Every structure is written in C-alpha cells, then in structure tokens.
N, C-alpha and C. Protein backbone atom coordinates (compact mmCIF):
# COMPACT_ATOMS: atom_id res chain seq x y z
N MET A 1 0.84 -1.15 0.00
CA MET A 1 0.00 0.00 0.00
C MET A 1 0.90 1.24 0.00
N LYS A 2 0.82 2.04 -1.06
CA LYS A 2 1.62 3.26 -1.17
C LYS A 2 0.80 4.46 -0.72
N PHE A 3 1.49 5.43 -0.10
CA PHE A 3 0.83 6.65 0.34
C PHE A 3 1.84 7.76 0.50
N THR A 4 1.35 8.99 0.62
CA THR A 4 2.19 10.17 0.82
C THR A 4 1.87 10.73 2.19
N SER A 5 2.91 11.16 2.90
CA SER A 5 2.71 11.71 4.23
C SER A 5 3.70 12.85 4.47
N THR A 6 3.28 13.85 5.23
CA THR A 6 4.19 14.90 5.66
C THR A 6 4.81 14.45 6.97
N ILE A 7 6.14 14.41 7.01
CA ILE A 7 6.85 13.89 8.18
C ILE A 7 7.88 14.90 8.69
N LYS A 8 8.28 14.72 9.94
CA LYS A 8 9.35 15.52 10.53
C LYS A 8 10.57 14.62 10.66
N VAL A 9 11.59 14.91 9.85
CA VAL A 9 12.83 14.13 9.86
C VAL A 9 13.74 14.69 10.95
N THR A 10 14.10 13.84 11.91
CA THR A 10 14.96 14.30 13.01
C THR A 10 16.41 13.86 12.83
N GLY A 11 16.64 12.90 11.95
CA GLY A 11 18.01 12.44 11.70
C GLY A 11 18.06 11.44 10.57
N MET A 12 19.28 11.22 10.08
CA MET A 12 19.51 10.24 9.02
C MET A 12 20.91 9.64 9.23
N LYS A 13 21.09 8.39 8.79
CA LYS A 13 22.42 7.80 8.80
C LYS A 13 22.49 6.73 7.73
N TYR A 14 23.70 6.49 7.27
CA TYR A 14 23.87 5.42 6.30
C TYR A 14 24.91 4.44 6.80
N SER A 15 24.83 3.23 6.29
CA SER A 15 25.78 2.17 6.62
C SER A 15 26.13 1.45 5.32
N LYS A 16 27.41 1.24 5.12
CA LYS A 16 27.84 0.51 3.93
C LYS A 16 29.16 -0.16 4.25
N GLY A 17 29.26 -1.43 3.89
CA GLY A 17 30.51 -2.14 4.14
C GLY A 17 30.32 -3.63 4.03
N LYS A 18 31.26 -4.34 4.64
CA LYS A 18 31.23 -5.79 4.59
C LYS A 18 31.55 -6.33 5.98
N MET A 19 30.74 -7.28 6.43
CA MET A 19 30.97 -7.91 7.73
C MET A 19 32.12 -8.91 7.62
N ASP A 20 32.59 -9.36 8.77
CA ASP A 20 33.69 -10.33 8.81
C ASP A 20 33.39 -11.60 8.04
N ASN A 21 32.11 -11.98 7.97
CA ASN A 21 31.76 -13.22 7.27
C ASN A 21 31.56 -13.01 5.77
N GLY A 22 31.80 -11.77 5.29
CA GLY A 22 31.69 -11.49 3.87
C GLY A 22 30.36 -10.92 3.43
N THR A 23 29.37 -10.90 4.31
CA THR A 23 28.06 -10.35 3.97
C THR A 23 28.16 -8.83 3.83
N GLU A 24 27.68 -8.31 2.71
CA GLU A 24 27.71 -6.87 2.49
C GLU A 24 26.43 -6.22 3.00
N PHE A 25 26.55 -4.97 3.44
CA PHE A 25 25.39 -4.20 3.88
C PHE A 25 25.46 -2.82 3.26
N ASP A 26 24.30 -2.24 2.96
CA ASP A 26 24.21 -0.97 2.24
C ASP A 26 22.81 -0.40 2.46
N SER A 27 22.68 0.59 3.34
CA SER A 27 21.35 1.13 3.62
C SER A 27 21.42 2.55 4.16
N THR A 28 20.30 3.25 4.04
CA THR A 28 20.10 4.55 4.67
C THR A 28 18.89 4.43 5.57
N LYS A 29 18.99 4.96 6.77
CA LYS A 29 17.89 4.98 7.73
C LYS A 29 17.49 6.43 7.99
N VAL A 30 16.20 6.65 8.11
CA VAL A 30 15.64 7.96 8.40
C VAL A 30 14.92 7.87 9.73
N TYR A 31 15.16 8.83 10.60
CA TYR A 31 14.51 8.87 11.90
C TYR A 31 13.42 9.95 11.86
N VAL A 32 12.18 9.51 12.15
CA VAL A 32 11.01 10.35 11.97
C VAL A 32 10.26 10.49 13.29
N GLU A 33 9.90 11.72 13.62
CA GLU A 33 9.08 11.94 14.82
C GLU A 33 7.72 11.30 14.60
N THR A 34 7.34 10.42 15.52
CA THR A 34 6.13 9.62 15.37
C THR A 34 5.34 9.65 16.68
N GLU A 35 4.03 9.81 16.56
CA GLU A 35 3.16 9.83 17.74
C GLU A 35 3.19 8.47 18.46
N LEU A 36 3.25 8.51 19.77
CA LEU A 36 3.15 7.29 20.56
C LEU A 36 1.69 6.82 20.60
N ASP A 37 1.50 5.54 20.79
CA ASP A 37 0.17 4.95 20.87
C ASP A 37 -0.46 5.33 22.20
N THR A 38 -1.50 6.13 22.15
CA THR A 38 -2.18 6.59 23.37
C THR A 38 -3.45 5.81 23.66
N SER A 39 -3.73 4.76 22.90
CA SER A 39 -5.00 4.04 23.03
C SER A 39 -5.17 3.35 24.38
N LYS A 40 -4.11 3.03 25.08
CA LYS A 40 -4.21 2.37 26.39
C LYS A 40 -3.96 3.35 27.54
N ASP A 41 -3.86 4.63 27.21
CA ASP A 41 -3.63 5.68 28.19
C ASP A 41 -2.36 5.44 29.02
N SER A 42 -1.35 4.83 28.38
CA SER A 42 -0.09 4.58 29.08
C SER A 42 1.08 5.29 28.42
N ALA A 43 0.81 6.13 27.42
CA ALA A 43 1.88 6.86 26.73
C ALA A 43 1.31 8.17 26.21
N MET A 44 2.20 9.14 26.03
CA MET A 44 1.81 10.42 25.43
C MET A 44 3.02 11.02 24.74
N GLY A 45 2.77 11.86 23.76
CA GLY A 45 3.85 12.55 23.08
C GLY A 45 4.36 11.80 21.86
N THR A 46 5.65 12.00 21.60
CA THR A 46 6.25 11.43 20.40
C THR A 46 7.56 10.73 20.71
N ALA A 47 7.99 9.92 19.77
CA ALA A 47 9.30 9.26 19.80
C ALA A 47 9.81 9.27 18.36
N CYS A 48 11.02 8.83 18.17
CA CYS A 48 11.55 8.73 16.81
C CYS A 48 11.53 7.27 16.38
N ALA A 49 10.96 7.04 15.21
CA ALA A 49 10.92 5.71 14.63
C ALA A 49 11.88 5.66 13.44
N GLU A 50 12.47 4.50 13.22
CA GLU A 50 13.43 4.31 12.14
C GLU A 50 12.74 3.72 10.92
N TYR A 51 13.00 4.30 9.76
CA TYR A 51 12.45 3.82 8.49
C TYR A 51 13.60 3.65 7.50
N GLY A 52 13.49 2.66 6.63
CA GLY A 52 14.48 2.46 5.58
C GLY A 52 14.24 3.42 4.43
N LEU A 53 15.35 3.86 3.80
CA LEU A 53 15.29 4.72 2.62
C LEU A 53 16.34 4.27 1.61
N GLY A 54 16.24 3.06 1.16
CA GLY A 54 17.13 2.59 0.11
C GLY A 54 18.57 2.38 0.55
N LYS A 55 19.47 2.54 -0.40
CA LYS A 55 20.89 2.27 -0.19
C LYS A 55 21.62 3.49 0.35
N ALA A 56 22.88 3.33 0.68
CA ALA A 56 23.68 4.38 1.30
C ALA A 56 23.78 5.64 0.45
N ASP A 57 23.74 5.51 -0.86
CA ASP A 57 23.86 6.70 -1.71
C ASP A 57 22.66 7.66 -1.56
N GLU A 58 21.54 7.17 -1.05
CA GLU A 58 20.38 8.04 -0.79
C GLU A 58 20.74 9.13 0.23
N TYR A 59 21.57 8.79 1.20
CA TYR A 59 21.96 9.74 2.25
C TYR A 59 22.60 10.98 1.64
N GLN A 60 23.42 10.79 0.61
CA GLN A 60 24.14 11.90 -0.01
C GLN A 60 23.20 12.94 -0.60
N LYS A 61 22.01 12.53 -1.03
CA LYS A 61 21.03 13.46 -1.60
C LYS A 61 20.53 14.47 -0.58
N TYR A 62 20.62 14.14 0.70
CA TYR A 62 20.05 14.97 1.75
C TYR A 62 21.12 15.52 2.70
N LYS A 63 22.38 15.20 2.46
CA LYS A 63 23.48 15.60 3.35
C LYS A 63 23.53 17.12 3.54
N HIS A 64 23.21 17.87 2.50
CA HIS A 64 23.24 19.34 2.58
C HIS A 64 22.21 19.90 3.56
N LEU A 65 21.27 19.08 4.01
CA LEU A 65 20.24 19.53 4.95
C LEU A 65 20.62 19.33 6.41
N ALA A 66 21.85 18.94 6.67
CA ALA A 66 22.28 18.67 8.05
C ALA A 66 22.02 19.87 8.96
N GLY A 67 22.25 21.07 8.48
CA GLY A 67 22.02 22.28 9.28
C GLY A 67 20.55 22.61 9.46
N ALA A 68 19.68 21.93 8.73
CA ALA A 68 18.25 22.20 8.80
C ALA A 68 17.50 21.20 9.68
N LEU A 69 18.21 20.24 10.27
CA LEU A 69 17.55 19.23 11.10
C LEU A 69 17.00 19.85 12.37
N PRO A 70 15.84 19.44 12.82
CA PRO A 70 14.89 18.59 12.11
C PRO A 70 14.25 19.39 10.98
N PHE A 71 13.76 18.69 9.94
CA PHE A 71 13.08 19.36 8.84
C PHE A 71 11.84 18.59 8.44
N MET A 72 10.90 19.32 7.87
CA MET A 72 9.66 18.73 7.38
C MET A 72 9.86 18.29 5.94
N ALA A 73 9.24 17.17 5.57
CA ALA A 73 9.37 16.65 4.22
C ALA A 73 8.10 15.93 3.81
N ILE A 74 7.87 15.89 2.53
CA ILE A 74 6.81 15.07 1.96
C ILE A 74 7.45 13.73 1.63
N ALA A 75 6.92 12.66 2.19
CA ALA A 75 7.50 11.32 2.00
C ALA A 75 6.57 10.45 1.18
N GLU A 76 7.13 9.78 0.19
CA GLU A 76 6.43 8.73 -0.53
C GLU A 76 6.76 7.45 0.22
N MET A 77 5.75 6.80 0.80
CA MET A 77 5.96 5.66 1.67
C MET A 77 5.17 4.46 1.18
N GLU A 78 5.52 3.30 1.71
CA GLU A 78 4.80 2.08 1.36
C GLU A 78 4.81 1.12 2.54
N ILE A 79 3.68 0.51 2.80
CA ILE A 79 3.59 -0.55 3.80
C ILE A 79 3.71 -1.87 3.04
N VAL A 80 4.68 -2.70 3.45
CA VAL A 80 4.88 -4.00 2.81
C VAL A 80 4.82 -5.09 3.88
N THR A 81 4.56 -6.32 3.45
CA THR A 81 4.46 -7.43 4.39
C THR A 81 5.05 -8.69 3.78
N ASN A 82 5.44 -9.59 4.65
CA ASN A 82 5.86 -10.92 4.19
C ASN A 82 4.76 -11.94 4.48
N GLY A 83 3.60 -11.46 4.87
CA GLY A 83 2.47 -12.31 5.21
C GLY A 83 2.30 -12.50 6.70
N LYS A 84 3.36 -12.20 7.45
CA LYS A 84 3.31 -12.36 8.90
C LYS A 84 3.53 -11.03 9.61
N THR A 85 4.53 -10.29 9.16
CA THR A 85 4.81 -8.98 9.76
C THR A 85 4.79 -7.93 8.67
N GLN A 86 4.62 -6.69 9.07
CA GLN A 86 4.63 -5.61 8.10
C GLN A 86 5.63 -4.54 8.52
N LYS A 87 6.09 -3.76 7.54
CA LYS A 87 6.97 -2.64 7.83
C LYS A 87 6.67 -1.53 6.85
N THR A 88 7.03 -0.33 7.23
CA THR A 88 6.85 0.84 6.39
C THR A 88 8.21 1.27 5.88
N ILE A 89 8.31 1.50 4.58
CA ILE A 89 9.56 1.98 3.99
C ILE A 89 9.29 3.32 3.31
N ILE A 90 10.33 4.12 3.21
CA ILE A 90 10.24 5.40 2.52
C ILE A 90 10.92 5.23 1.16
N HIS A 91 10.21 5.63 0.10
CA HIS A 91 10.78 5.56 -1.24
C HIS A 91 11.48 6.86 -1.62
N SER A 92 10.93 8.00 -1.17
CA SER A 92 11.55 9.28 -1.50
C SER A 92 11.14 10.34 -0.48
N LEU A 93 11.98 11.35 -0.35
CA LEU A 93 11.71 12.50 0.51
C LEU A 93 11.79 13.76 -0.32
N ARG A 94 10.88 14.68 -0.10
CA ARG A 94 10.93 15.98 -0.74
C ARG A 94 10.83 17.03 0.37
N PRO A 95 11.98 17.60 0.78
CA PRO A 95 11.95 18.60 1.85
C PRO A 95 11.06 19.78 1.47
N VAL A 96 10.34 20.29 2.46
CA VAL A 96 9.53 21.47 2.20
C VAL A 96 10.44 22.68 2.16
N ASP A 97 9.95 23.78 1.64
CA ASP A 97 10.77 24.95 1.38
C ASP A 97 11.53 25.47 2.59
N GLY A 98 10.96 25.39 3.78
CA GLY A 98 11.64 25.87 4.98
C GLY A 98 12.94 25.15 5.24
N ALA A 99 13.00 23.84 4.95
CA ALA A 99 14.22 23.07 5.16
C ALA A 99 15.29 23.50 4.18
N LYS A 100 14.91 23.76 2.93
CA LYS A 100 15.87 24.19 1.93
C LYS A 100 16.47 25.54 2.30
N ALA A 101 15.62 26.45 2.80
CA ALA A 101 16.08 27.78 3.18
C ALA A 101 17.03 27.70 4.37
N ALA A 102 16.69 26.90 5.37
CA ALA A 102 17.54 26.75 6.54
C ALA A 102 18.89 26.15 6.17
N ALA A 103 18.90 25.19 5.27
CA ALA A 103 20.14 24.54 4.86
C ALA A 103 21.05 25.51 4.12
N SER A 104 20.47 26.48 3.42
CA SER A 104 21.28 27.43 2.68
C SER A 104 21.72 28.61 3.54
N GLY A 105 21.30 28.63 4.80
CA GLY A 105 21.71 29.69 5.71
C GLY A 105 20.73 30.84 5.79
N ALA A 106 19.65 30.79 5.05
CA ALA A 106 18.64 31.85 5.09
C ALA A 106 17.91 31.81 6.42
N LYS A 107 17.49 32.97 6.89
CA LYS A 107 16.76 33.05 8.15
C LYS A 107 15.28 33.19 7.86
N ASN A 108 14.48 32.47 8.64
CA ASN A 108 13.02 32.60 8.53
C ASN A 108 12.57 33.76 9.39
N VAL A 109 11.81 34.66 8.81
CA VAL A 109 11.30 35.81 9.52
C VAL A 109 9.79 35.71 9.55
N THR A 110 9.21 35.83 10.74
CA THR A 110 7.76 35.79 10.86
C THR A 110 7.28 37.10 11.43
N ALA A 111 6.12 37.52 11.00
CA ALA A 111 5.58 38.80 11.49
C ALA A 111 4.61 38.56 12.60
C-alpha cells in the first residue's frame, strides 16, 4: 500500500561495508518523529521511529540539509508485508521549502 505523508525528519544515517563473514550491507535509515500509541492511556507525546530509505547513496542526496535538522518533508511511503509482519519503507523524501532555506543559511522571519 503506497501513500504520501508529511513527516518531521529528526536524523539520518547510512551504513555501507562488509561484515567479517563477507556479507555486504548498504542502507540509509531515516529517523522520523512519530506519535506514541495513546490508546491504552499509558503513553503520550512522540518518539523517533526508524524507516528504511534505500541504499547508502540516498543519504548523499540529503546531506546538505544537516544544518536544517529537524526538517519537514513530503514522504512517498509504502507498507509491505511478508504475510506475517509488516513494515513501512520510505521511497523518497521531498523537503519542504523551509528546510531548503535553513540549509542554505537563510533566516526565517515571521511577522
């Protein structure tokens, strides 16, 4: 199931290399502010959840936004399953204009 969502990106990291046993790894993770489940009245507020965003080279596309963290973005996302468990992955991020301005050093002025 594919969908679009506006998210608050609080961090990103990539990993690429080879383990001692020869297995290669290559991924980018995005940390997104996510509402806690309040249905049992045992939690409130937000936490950061980790989502996959493709391979390590995806990180480079957003590296210039480091000074704008956290930033708002439009995310193309998808819920996938193996029949037993499900996970949400991010296919693409499109930072909103405020993030681009902050990354370039521009100051936001409000009246």
